[in-house]
N, C-alpha and C. Protein backbone atom coordinates (compact mmCIF):
# COMPACT_ATOMS: atom_id res chain seq x y z
N MET A 1 9.55 25.60 31.73
CA MET A 1 8.93 24.65 30.83
C MET A 1 7.42 24.81 30.92
N GLU A 2 6.78 24.91 29.78
CA GLU A 2 5.35 25.11 29.79
C GLU A 2 4.62 23.78 30.02
N ARG A 3 3.43 23.90 30.52
CA ARG A 3 2.64 22.72 30.84
C ARG A 3 1.91 22.25 29.58
N LYS A 4 1.95 20.95 29.31
CA LYS A 4 1.33 20.40 28.11
C LYS A 4 -0.05 19.84 28.42
N ARG A 5 -0.94 19.97 27.45
CA ARG A 5 -2.23 19.31 27.54
C ARG A 5 -2.04 17.85 27.16
N PRO A 6 -2.95 16.97 27.56
CA PRO A 6 -2.78 15.54 27.30
C PRO A 6 -2.61 15.17 25.81
N LEU A 7 -3.22 15.89 24.89
CA LEU A 7 -3.15 15.53 23.49
C LEU A 7 -2.10 16.31 22.71
N ASP A 8 -1.27 17.07 23.40
CA ASP A 8 -0.20 17.80 22.72
C ASP A 8 0.90 16.84 22.29
N PHE A 9 1.39 17.05 21.09
CA PHE A 9 2.51 16.28 20.59
C PHE A 9 3.77 17.11 20.77
N PRO A 10 4.89 16.46 21.04
CA PRO A 10 6.13 17.24 21.22
C PRO A 10 6.57 17.86 19.90
N SER A 11 7.24 18.99 19.99
CA SER A 11 7.76 19.61 18.78
C SER A 11 9.01 18.86 18.35
N ILE A 12 9.44 19.10 17.15
CA ILE A 12 10.63 18.40 16.62
C ILE A 12 11.87 18.75 17.43
N THR A 13 11.95 19.98 17.93
CA THR A 13 13.12 20.35 18.73
C THR A 13 13.13 19.60 20.06
N GLU A 14 11.95 19.35 20.64
CA GLU A 14 11.89 18.59 21.88
C GLU A 14 12.31 17.13 21.64
N VAL A 15 11.88 16.58 20.52
CA VAL A 15 12.22 15.20 20.21
C VAL A 15 13.72 15.06 19.99
N ILE A 16 14.30 16.00 19.24
CA ILE A 16 15.74 15.94 18.96
C ILE A 16 16.54 16.17 20.22
N SER A 17 16.10 17.12 21.06
CA SER A 17 16.87 17.40 22.28
C SER A 17 16.82 16.23 23.26
N GLU A 18 15.76 15.43 23.21
CA GLU A 18 15.66 14.26 24.08
C GLU A 18 16.43 13.08 23.52
N GLY A 19 16.91 13.20 22.30
CA GLY A 19 17.72 12.14 21.72
C GLY A 19 16.94 10.97 21.18
N THR A 20 15.64 11.13 20.92
CA THR A 20 14.85 10.02 20.43
C THR A 20 14.68 10.05 18.92
N ALA A 21 15.21 11.06 18.27
CA ALA A 21 15.09 11.14 16.81
C ALA A 21 16.18 10.30 16.15
N ILE A 22 15.87 9.78 15.00
CA ILE A 22 16.84 8.99 14.23
C ILE A 22 17.49 9.93 13.23
N ALA A 23 18.79 9.94 13.22
CA ALA A 23 19.51 10.78 12.27
C ALA A 23 19.33 10.23 10.86
N MET A 24 19.37 11.09 9.87
CA MET A 24 19.20 10.67 8.49
C MET A 24 20.29 9.68 8.08
N SER A 25 21.47 9.81 8.64
CA SER A 25 22.55 8.90 8.26
C SER A 25 22.35 7.50 8.83
N ASP A 26 21.41 7.32 9.75
CA ASP A 26 21.14 6.01 10.33
C ASP A 26 20.21 5.16 9.49
N THR A 27 19.60 5.74 8.48
CA THR A 27 18.69 4.96 7.65
C THR A 27 19.49 4.05 6.74
N PRO A 28 18.98 2.85 6.43
CA PRO A 28 19.73 1.89 5.62
C PRO A 28 20.12 2.43 4.24
N ASP A 29 19.21 3.17 3.58
CA ASP A 29 19.53 3.66 2.24
C ASP A 29 20.64 4.71 2.27
N ALA A 30 20.68 5.51 3.31
CA ALA A 30 21.69 6.55 3.38
C ALA A 30 23.07 5.96 3.65
N THR A 31 23.13 4.90 4.44
CA THR A 31 24.42 4.31 4.76
C THR A 31 25.00 3.55 3.57
N GLN A 32 24.17 3.01 2.72
CA GLN A 32 24.64 2.26 1.57
C GLN A 32 24.76 3.13 0.32
N GLY A 33 24.25 4.35 0.39
CA GLY A 33 24.32 5.25 -0.75
C GLY A 33 23.38 4.87 -1.88
N LYS A 34 22.33 4.12 -1.58
CA LYS A 34 21.38 3.68 -2.60
C LYS A 34 20.08 4.46 -2.49
N GLN A 35 19.48 4.70 -3.62
CA GLN A 35 18.16 5.29 -3.67
C GLN A 35 17.14 4.17 -3.81
N PRO A 36 15.91 4.35 -3.33
CA PRO A 36 14.89 3.33 -3.56
C PRO A 36 14.69 3.16 -5.07
N THR A 37 14.59 1.93 -5.52
CA THR A 37 14.47 1.66 -6.94
C THR A 37 13.04 1.31 -7.31
N ILE A 38 12.66 1.77 -8.48
CA ILE A 38 11.37 1.41 -9.04
C ILE A 38 11.64 0.42 -10.14
N THR A 39 11.22 -0.80 -9.91
CA THR A 39 11.44 -1.86 -10.88
C THR A 39 10.11 -2.20 -11.55
N PRO A 40 10.14 -2.86 -12.71
CA PRO A 40 8.88 -3.27 -13.34
C PRO A 40 8.04 -4.16 -12.42
N LEU A 41 8.68 -4.99 -11.63
CA LEU A 41 7.96 -5.86 -10.71
C LEU A 41 7.21 -5.03 -9.66
N ARG A 42 7.85 -3.99 -9.17
CA ARG A 42 7.19 -3.13 -8.18
C ARG A 42 6.05 -2.32 -8.80
N VAL A 43 6.17 -2.00 -10.07
CA VAL A 43 5.07 -1.30 -10.75
C VAL A 43 3.87 -2.24 -10.85
N VAL A 44 4.10 -3.50 -11.17
CA VAL A 44 3.02 -4.48 -11.24
C VAL A 44 2.37 -4.65 -9.87
N ILE A 45 3.17 -4.69 -8.83
CA ILE A 45 2.64 -4.79 -7.46
C ILE A 45 1.74 -3.60 -7.15
N ALA A 46 2.21 -2.41 -7.50
CA ALA A 46 1.42 -1.20 -7.25
C ALA A 46 0.11 -1.23 -8.02
N LEU A 47 0.15 -1.68 -9.26
CA LEU A 47 -1.08 -1.76 -10.05
C LEU A 47 -2.06 -2.78 -9.47
N CYS A 48 -1.54 -3.89 -8.98
CA CYS A 48 -2.41 -4.90 -8.34
C CYS A 48 -3.12 -4.32 -7.12
N LEU A 49 -2.44 -3.49 -6.38
CA LEU A 49 -3.02 -2.91 -5.18
C LEU A 49 -3.88 -1.68 -5.48
N PHE A 50 -3.61 -1.01 -6.56
CA PHE A 50 -4.33 0.22 -6.91
C PHE A 50 -5.62 -0.04 -7.68
N ALA A 51 -5.66 -1.11 -8.46
CA ALA A 51 -6.83 -1.41 -9.32
C ALA A 51 -8.15 -1.48 -8.55
N PRO A 52 -8.23 -2.17 -7.41
CA PRO A 52 -9.52 -2.21 -6.70
C PRO A 52 -10.01 -0.83 -6.25
N PHE A 53 -9.09 0.04 -5.87
CA PHE A 53 -9.50 1.38 -5.47
C PHE A 53 -10.13 2.13 -6.63
N VAL A 54 -9.50 2.06 -7.78
CA VAL A 54 -10.05 2.74 -8.95
C VAL A 54 -11.40 2.17 -9.31
N ALA A 55 -11.50 0.85 -9.31
CA ALA A 55 -12.76 0.20 -9.68
C ALA A 55 -13.90 0.58 -8.74
N MET A 56 -13.61 0.68 -7.45
CA MET A 56 -14.68 0.98 -6.49
C MET A 56 -14.97 2.47 -6.37
N LEU A 57 -13.98 3.31 -6.60
CA LEU A 57 -14.21 4.75 -6.48
C LEU A 57 -14.85 5.35 -7.73
N TRP A 58 -14.81 4.65 -8.84
CA TRP A 58 -15.43 5.12 -10.08
C TRP A 58 -16.87 4.61 -10.12
N VAL A 59 -17.70 5.16 -9.25
CA VAL A 59 -19.05 4.68 -9.02
C VAL A 59 -19.93 4.80 -10.26
N SER A 60 -19.75 5.82 -11.04
CA SER A 60 -20.60 5.99 -12.22
C SER A 60 -20.45 4.85 -13.22
N SER A 61 -19.38 4.08 -13.14
CA SER A 61 -19.20 2.96 -14.07
C SER A 61 -20.09 1.77 -13.71
N TYR A 62 -20.55 1.70 -12.48
CA TYR A 62 -21.38 0.55 -12.09
C TYR A 62 -22.68 0.96 -11.39
N ALA A 63 -23.03 2.21 -11.42
CA ALA A 63 -24.26 2.68 -10.78
C ALA A 63 -25.46 2.47 -11.70
N ARG A 64 -25.83 1.20 -11.88
CA ARG A 64 -26.99 0.86 -12.71
C ARG A 64 -27.56 -0.48 -12.25
N VAL A 65 -28.75 -0.78 -12.74
CA VAL A 65 -29.45 -1.99 -12.35
C VAL A 65 -29.14 -3.14 -13.30
N GLU A 66 -29.12 -2.87 -14.58
CA GLU A 66 -28.90 -3.90 -15.59
C GLU A 66 -27.41 -4.10 -15.83
N PRO A 67 -26.92 -5.26 -16.10
CA PRO A 67 -27.59 -6.55 -16.23
C PRO A 67 -27.78 -7.22 -14.87
N LEU A 68 -28.87 -7.94 -14.75
CA LEU A 68 -29.16 -8.70 -13.54
C LEU A 68 -28.42 -10.03 -13.59
N LEU A 69 -27.99 -10.50 -12.44
CA LEU A 69 -27.36 -11.81 -12.32
C LEU A 69 -28.12 -12.56 -11.24
N ALA A 70 -28.91 -13.53 -11.65
CA ALA A 70 -29.78 -14.29 -10.73
C ALA A 70 -30.69 -13.35 -9.94
N GLY A 71 -31.18 -12.31 -10.60
CA GLY A 71 -32.08 -11.36 -9.97
C GLY A 71 -31.40 -10.29 -9.14
N ILE A 72 -30.08 -10.32 -9.07
CA ILE A 72 -29.32 -9.32 -8.28
C ILE A 72 -28.89 -8.20 -9.21
N PRO A 73 -29.19 -6.95 -8.87
CA PRO A 73 -28.79 -5.83 -9.72
C PRO A 73 -27.26 -5.74 -9.88
N PHE A 74 -26.85 -5.22 -11.02
CA PHE A 74 -25.43 -5.07 -11.35
C PHE A 74 -24.67 -4.34 -10.26
N PHE A 75 -25.27 -3.29 -9.70
CA PHE A 75 -24.62 -2.48 -8.67
C PHE A 75 -24.09 -3.34 -7.52
N TYR A 76 -24.84 -4.35 -7.12
CA TYR A 76 -24.45 -5.19 -6.00
C TYR A 76 -23.49 -6.30 -6.39
N TRP A 77 -23.80 -7.01 -7.47
CA TRP A 77 -22.92 -8.14 -7.80
C TRP A 77 -21.57 -7.69 -8.32
N TYR A 78 -21.50 -6.51 -8.92
CA TYR A 78 -20.22 -5.97 -9.36
C TYR A 78 -19.30 -5.73 -8.16
N GLN A 79 -19.85 -5.15 -7.09
CA GLN A 79 -19.05 -4.88 -5.89
C GLN A 79 -18.62 -6.17 -5.20
N MET A 80 -19.49 -7.15 -5.16
CA MET A 80 -19.14 -8.44 -4.55
C MET A 80 -18.08 -9.16 -5.38
N LEU A 81 -18.14 -9.02 -6.69
CA LEU A 81 -17.12 -9.60 -7.55
C LEU A 81 -15.76 -8.98 -7.27
N TRP A 82 -15.73 -7.67 -7.01
CA TRP A 82 -14.48 -6.99 -6.71
C TRP A 82 -13.90 -7.40 -5.36
N VAL A 83 -14.73 -7.89 -4.46
CA VAL A 83 -14.19 -8.42 -3.20
C VAL A 83 -13.30 -9.62 -3.53
N LEU A 84 -13.77 -10.50 -4.39
CA LEU A 84 -12.98 -11.67 -4.79
C LEU A 84 -11.75 -11.27 -5.62
N ILE A 85 -11.95 -10.37 -6.56
CA ILE A 85 -10.84 -9.92 -7.41
C ILE A 85 -9.77 -9.24 -6.56
N SER A 86 -10.18 -8.43 -5.59
CA SER A 86 -9.23 -7.75 -4.71
C SER A 86 -8.42 -8.74 -3.89
N THR A 87 -9.07 -9.81 -3.45
CA THR A 87 -8.36 -10.84 -2.69
C THR A 87 -7.27 -11.48 -3.55
N VAL A 88 -7.63 -11.83 -4.77
CA VAL A 88 -6.66 -12.45 -5.68
C VAL A 88 -5.52 -11.48 -6.00
N LEU A 89 -5.84 -10.23 -6.29
CA LEU A 89 -4.81 -9.25 -6.61
C LEU A 89 -3.88 -8.98 -5.43
N THR A 90 -4.42 -8.98 -4.22
CA THR A 90 -3.59 -8.79 -3.04
C THR A 90 -2.66 -9.98 -2.83
N MET A 91 -3.16 -11.19 -3.07
CA MET A 91 -2.31 -12.38 -2.96
C MET A 91 -1.20 -12.34 -4.00
N VAL A 92 -1.52 -11.94 -5.22
CA VAL A 92 -0.51 -11.84 -6.28
C VAL A 92 0.54 -10.79 -5.90
N ALA A 93 0.08 -9.64 -5.40
CA ALA A 93 1.01 -8.58 -4.99
C ALA A 93 1.93 -9.07 -3.87
N TYR A 94 1.39 -9.81 -2.93
CA TYR A 94 2.19 -10.33 -1.82
C TYR A 94 3.25 -11.31 -2.32
N LYS A 95 2.87 -12.22 -3.19
CA LYS A 95 3.83 -13.19 -3.73
C LYS A 95 4.91 -12.49 -4.56
N LEU A 96 4.51 -11.49 -5.34
CA LEU A 96 5.49 -10.73 -6.12
C LEU A 96 6.44 -9.96 -5.21
N TRP A 97 5.90 -9.43 -4.10
CA TRP A 97 6.74 -8.70 -3.16
C TRP A 97 7.77 -9.64 -2.53
N GLN A 98 7.33 -10.85 -2.18
CA GLN A 98 8.28 -11.83 -1.63
C GLN A 98 9.37 -12.14 -2.65
N LEU A 99 8.98 -12.31 -3.90
CA LEU A 99 9.94 -12.58 -4.97
C LEU A 99 10.92 -11.42 -5.11
N ASP A 100 10.42 -10.21 -5.05
CA ASP A 100 11.26 -9.02 -5.17
C ASP A 100 12.25 -8.93 -4.00
N GLN A 101 11.78 -9.21 -2.80
CA GLN A 101 12.65 -9.12 -1.64
C GLN A 101 13.75 -10.18 -1.68
N ARG A 102 13.40 -11.39 -2.12
CA ARG A 102 14.42 -12.43 -2.24
C ARG A 102 15.45 -12.05 -3.29
N ALA A 103 14.99 -11.47 -4.40
CA ALA A 103 15.92 -11.08 -5.47
C ALA A 103 16.85 -9.95 -4.99
N ARG A 104 16.33 -9.03 -4.18
CA ARG A 104 17.15 -7.93 -3.68
C ARG A 104 18.19 -8.42 -2.68
N LYS A 105 17.85 -9.46 -1.94
CA LYS A 105 18.81 -10.00 -0.98
C LYS A 105 19.77 -10.98 -1.63
N GLY A 106 19.52 -11.31 -2.89
CA GLY A 106 20.39 -12.22 -3.60
C GLY A 106 20.12 -13.67 -3.30
N GLY A 107 18.97 -13.96 -2.76
CA GLY A 107 18.63 -15.32 -2.37
C GLY A 107 17.90 -16.07 -3.47
N ASP A 108 17.42 -17.23 -3.11
CA ASP A 108 16.67 -18.09 -4.01
C ASP A 108 15.34 -17.42 -4.33
N ALA A 109 14.94 -17.39 -5.58
CA ALA A 109 13.71 -16.72 -6.02
C ALA A 109 12.53 -17.69 -6.12
N ARG A 110 12.44 -18.65 -5.22
CA ARG A 110 11.33 -19.60 -5.24
C ARG A 110 10.09 -19.01 -4.73
């Protein structure tokens, strides 16, 4: 057996031979024969979580000084506004996810 350095990760054969790997048949979807589903609700959740990234990574859309808001350049107040918008969108995504999980379990959709 070769000597490992402290930051070496085990190979997949070492993990399987030690018995710590999870077989594919042990996953919940494989045992039930179901594929992950993409529902309209999950698409809305993804859009709620994806929108802030697009808004902040598209810098050329807000890289300007005008219009000023109480003397604050657009570049700054636009980003601060997205902090609030991102919070609201994340809360909406979380509530929709809870609704989706309850519906999948067949429970009350409150």
